[in-house]
Amino acid sequence: MEIVQYTATGRRKTSTARVYLRPGNGQVVINRRPFEQYFHTDALRRTAREPLALTEMVEKFDVLVNVAGGGEVGQAGAVRHGIARALVQFDAALRPKLKDAGFLTRDSRVKERKKYGQKGARARFQYSKR
């Protein structure tokens, strides 16, 4: 018996999430830890689950995620992106709904590098006239 599963990769900032959607009852496991244990705040949990809630698939799939890199917020965004991509693999008719919500767009905003001769990415050293 072959397990039916949909795989996708989600990214945000420096985080990468490999998402596996399997038919099930709504259980979410991230890096082999229960969902509630991995994301500590309600906002992060909500962010990660948004595509499932929008498409009303929360109780239809078990979600397995391997996520690495970045911080909690970046990882939650990466999980959201990955789940949305996996749902499109499951049913292409969900694509317009997910696209309108902006879940299929890779958020390309990353930290800008520090430049030489400057204090930071944009900040300069203080200029003294006298």
C-alpha atoms as a PDB file:
ATOM      1  CA  MET A   1       0.000   0.000   0.000  1.00  0.00           C
ATOM      2  CA  GLU A   2       1.443   3.306  -1.109  1.00  0.00           C
ATOM      3  CA  ILE A   3       1.022   6.406   1.041  1.00  0.00           C
ATOM      4  CA  VAL A   4      -0.447   9.319  -0.901  1.00  0.00           C
ATOM      5  CA  GLN A   5       1.422  12.492  -0.014  1.00  0.00           C
ATOM      6  CA  TYR A   6       1.991  15.922  -1.507  1.00  0.00           C
ATOM      7  CA  THR A   7       5.393  17.540  -1.059  1.00  0.00           C
ATOM      8  CA  ALA A   8       6.406  21.175  -1.360  1.00  0.00           C
ATOM      9  CA  THR A   9       9.111  23.573  -0.256  1.00  0.00           C
ATOM     10  CA  GLY A  10       8.319  26.905   1.363  1.00  0.00           C
ATOM     11  CA  ARG A  11      10.775  29.720   2.004  1.00  0.00           C
ATOM     12  CA  ARG A  12      10.883  33.017   3.854  1.00  0.00           C
ATOM     13  CA  LYS A  13      13.922  35.128   4.820  1.00  0.00           C
ATOM     14  CA  THR A  14      16.581  32.462   5.512  1.00  0.00           C
ATOM     15  CA  SER A  15      14.106  29.729   6.546  1.00  0.00           C
ATOM     16  CA  THR A  16      13.309  26.701   4.415  1.00  0.00           C
ATOM     17  CA  ALA A  17      10.427  24.319   5.137  1.00  0.00           C
ATOM     18  CA  ARG A  18       9.909  20.930   3.517  1.00  0.00           C
ATOM     19  CA  VAL A  19       6.193  20.183   3.839  1.00  0.00           C
ATOM     20  CA  TYR A  20       4.495  16.795   3.469  1.00  0.00           C
ATOM     21  CA  LEU A  21       0.677  16.709   3.275  1.00  0.00           C
ATOM     22  CA  ARG A  22      -0.929  13.333   3.954  1.00  0.00           C
ATOM     23  CA  PRO A  23      -4.623  12.509   4.218  1.00  0.00           C
ATOM     24  CA  GLY A  24      -5.467  12.414   7.913  1.00  0.00           C
ATOM     25  CA  ASN A  25      -7.277  14.191  10.731  1.00  0.00           C
ATOM     26  CA  GLY A  26      -5.485  17.540  11.083  1.00  0.00           C
ATOM     27  CA  GLN A  27      -2.394  16.615  13.078  1.00  0.00           C
ATOM     28  CA  VAL A  28       0.587  18.952  12.508  1.00  0.00           C
ATOM     29  CA  VAL A  29       4.141  17.889  13.391  1.00  0.00           C
ATOM     30  CA  ILE A  30       7.108  20.234  12.938  1.00  0.00           C
ATOM     31  CA  ASN A  31      10.660  18.879  13.312  1.00  0.00           C
ATOM     32  CA  ARG A  32       9.209  15.820  15.109  1.00  0.00           C
ATOM     33  CA  ARG A  33       7.568  18.032  17.740  1.00  0.00           C
ATOM     34  CA  PRO A  34       3.844  18.764  18.165  1.00  0.00           C
ATOM     35  CA  PHE A  35       2.693  21.971  16.485  1.00  0.00           C
ATOM     36  CA  GLU A  36       1.689  23.666  19.774  1.00  0.00           C
ATOM     37  CA  GLN A  37       5.096  22.902  21.267  1.00  0.00           C
ATOM     38  CA  TYR A  38       7.057  24.229  18.298  1.00  0.00           C
ATOM     39  CA  PHE A  39       5.325  27.601  17.748  1.00  0.00           C
ATOM     40  CA  HIS A  40       4.888  29.283  21.115  1.00  0.00           C
ATOM     41  CA  THR A  41       2.588  32.197  20.216  1.00  0.00           C
ATOM     42  CA  ASP A  42      -0.936  32.070  18.857  1.00  0.00           C
ATOM     43  CA  ALA A  43      -0.039  34.473  16.050  1.00  0.00           C
ATOM     44  CA  LEU A  44       2.667  32.151  14.697  1.00  0.00           C
ATOM     45  CA  ARG A  45       0.349  29.144  14.880  1.00  0.00           C
ATOM     46  CA  ARG A  46      -2.336  31.077  13.018  1.00  0.00           C
ATOM     47  CA  THR A  47       0.173  32.212  10.359  1.00  0.00           C
ATOM     48  CA  ALA A  48       1.394  28.676   9.708  1.00  0.00           C
ATOM     49  CA  ARG A  49      -2.150  27.255   9.466  1.00  0.00           C
ATOM     50  CA  GLU A  50      -3.679  30.030   7.299  1.00  0.00           C
ATOM     51  CA  PRO A  51      -3.716  28.150   3.944  1.00  0.00           C
ATOM     52  CA  LEU A  52      -5.494  25.152   5.526  1.00  0.00           C
ATOM     53  CA  ALA A  53      -8.040  27.407   7.226  1.00  0.00           C
ATOM     54  CA  LEU A  54      -8.708  29.390   4.027  1.00  0.00           C
ATOM     55  CA  THR A  55      -9.325  26.255   1.969  1.00  0.00           C
ATOM     56  CA  GLU A  56     -11.197  24.488   4.822  1.00  0.00           C
ATOM     57  CA  MET A  57      -8.785  21.534   4.800  1.00  0.00           C
ATOM     58  CA  VAL A  58      -7.717  21.692   8.481  1.00  0.00           C
ATOM     59  CA  GLU A  59      -9.337  18.357   9.388  1.00  0.00           C
ATOM     60  CA  LYS A  60      -8.522  16.596   6.092  1.00  0.00           C
ATOM     61  CA  PHE A  61      -4.723  16.504   6.174  1.00  0.00           C
ATOM     62  CA  ASP A  62      -1.880  15.574   8.502  1.00  0.00           C
ATOM     63  CA  VAL A  63       1.058  17.925   7.976  1.00  0.00           C
ATOM     64  CA  LEU A  64       4.678  16.880   8.501  1.00  0.00           C
ATOM     65  CA  VAL A  65       7.250  19.654   8.293  1.00  0.00           C
ATOM     66  CA  ASN A  66      11.043  19.823   8.421  1.00  0.00           C
ATOM     67  CA  VAL A  67      12.039  23.453   8.854  1.00  0.00           C
ATOM     68  CA  ALA A  68      15.499  24.962   9.271  1.00  0.00           C
ATOM     69  CA  GLY A  69      17.172  28.364   9.312  1.00  0.00           C
ATOM     70  CA  GLY A  70      16.069  31.794  10.455  1.00  0.00           C
ATOM     71  CA  GLY A  71      13.903  32.614  13.445  1.00  0.00           C
ATOM     72  CA  GLU A  72      10.399  31.717  14.540  1.00  0.00           C
ATOM     73  CA  VAL A  73       8.592  34.275  12.367  1.00  0.00           C
ATOM     74  CA  GLY A  74      10.557  33.350   9.246  1.00  0.00           C
ATOM     75  CA  GLN A  75       9.926  29.671   9.896  1.00  0.00           C
ATOM     76  CA  ALA A  76       6.186  30.229  10.339  1.00  0.00           C
ATOM     77  CA  GLY A  77       6.128  32.091   7.012  1.00  0.00           C
ATOM     78  CA  ALA A  78       8.089  29.296   5.330  1.00  0.00           C
ATOM     79  CA  VAL A  79       5.657  26.678   6.666  1.00  0.00           C
ATOM     80  CA  ARG A  80       2.706  28.735   5.380  1.00  0.00           C
ATOM     81  CA  HIS A  81       4.314  29.024   1.931  1.00  0.00           C
ATOM     82  CA  GLY A  82       5.054  25.287   1.816  1.00  0.00           C
ATOM     83  CA  ILE A  83       1.552  24.246   2.899  1.00  0.00           C
ATOM     84  CA  ALA A  84       0.006  26.517   0.256  1.00  0.00           C
ATOM     85  CA  ARG A  85       2.219  25.031  -2.474  1.00  0.00           C
ATOM     86  CA  ALA A  86       1.399  21.478  -1.367  1.00  0.00           C
ATOM     87  CA  LEU A  87      -2.352  22.244  -1.422  1.00  0.00           C
ATOM     88  CA  VAL A  88      -2.035  23.414  -5.042  1.00  0.00           C
ATOM     89  CA  GLN A  89      -0.424  20.043  -5.875  1.00  0.00           C
ATOM     90  CA  PHE A  90      -3.383  18.328  -4.227  1.00  0.00           C
ATOM     91  CA  ASP A  91      -5.998  20.403  -6.068  1.00  0.00           C
ATOM     92  CA  ALA A  92      -5.133  22.999  -8.720  1.00  0.00           C
ATOM     93  CA  ALA A  93      -8.612  24.559  -8.294  1.00  0.00           C
ATOM     94  CA  LEU A  94      -7.441  25.987  -4.939  1.00  0.00           C
ATOM     95  CA  ARG A  95      -4.735  28.036  -6.681  1.00  0.00           C
ATOM     96  CA  PRO A  96      -6.752  31.247  -7.356  1.00  0.00           C
ATOM     97  CA  LYS A  97      -8.000  31.379  -3.748  1.00  0.00           C
ATOM     98  CA  LEU A  98      -4.472  30.904  -2.319  1.00  0.00           C
ATOM     99  CA  LYS A  99      -2.937  33.301  -4.841  1.00  0.00           C
ATOM    100  CA  ASP A 100      -5.433  36.073  -3.992  1.00  0.00           C
ATOM    101  CA  ALA A 101      -4.568  35.660  -0.311  1.00  0.00           C
ATOM    102  CA  GLY A 102      -0.867  35.986  -1.231  1.00  0.00           C
ATOM    103  CA  PHE A 103       0.180  32.599   0.152  1.00  0.00           C
ATOM    104  CA  LEU A 104       1.863  31.402  -3.050  1.00  0.00           C
ATOM    105  CA  THR A 105       4.126  34.444  -3.327  1.00  0.00           C
ATOM    106  CA  ARG A 106       7.672  33.942  -2.050  1.00  0.00           C
ATOM    107  CA  ASP A 107       8.309  36.842   0.335  1.00  0.00           C
ATOM    108  CA  SER A 108      11.709  37.891  -1.016  1.00  0.00           C
ATOM    109  CA  ARG A 109      12.477  40.446   1.702  1.00  0.00           C
ATOM    110  CA  VAL A 110      15.774  39.503   3.317  1.00  0.00           C
ATOM    111  CA  LYS A 111      18.228  41.388   5.511  1.00  0.00           C
ATOM    112  CA  GLU A 112      20.355  43.812   3.521  1.00  0.00           C
ATOM    113  CA  ARG A 113      24.109  43.361   3.846  1.00  0.00           C
ATOM    114  CA  LYS A 114      26.313  45.756   5.773  1.00  0.00           C
ATOM    115  CA  LYS A 115      28.464  47.892   3.453  1.00  0.00           C
ATOM    116  CA  TYR A 116      32.135  48.752   3.994  1.00  0.00           C
ATOM    117  CA  GLY A 117      32.858  52.276   5.253  1.00  0.00           C
ATOM    118  CA  GLN A 118      29.428  52.357   6.882  1.00  0.00           C
ATOM    119  CA  LYS A 119      28.002  51.465  10.257  1.00  0.00           C
ATOM    120  CA  GLY A 120      25.270  49.222   8.843  1.00  0.00           C
ATOM    121  CA  ALA A 121      23.341  48.497   5.657  1.00  0.00           C
ATOM    122  CA  ARG A 122      22.105  52.083   5.359  1.00  0.00           C
ATOM    123  CA  ALA A 123      23.393  53.796   8.530  1.00  0.00           C
ATOM    124  CA  ARG A 124      26.541  55.884   8.098  1.00  0.00           C
ATOM    125  CA  PHE A 125      29.157  56.728  10.680  1.00  0.00           C
ATOM    126  CA  GLN A 126      28.412  60.030  12.423  1.00  0.00           C
ATOM    127  CA  TYR A 127      29.763  63.036  10.501  1.00  0.00           C
ATOM    128  CA  SER A 128      31.488  65.725  12.504  1.00  0.00           C
ATOM    129  CA  LYS A 129      31.873  69.143  10.943  1.00  0.00           C
ATOM    130  CA  ARG A 130      34.259  70.417  13.638  1.00  0.00           C
END
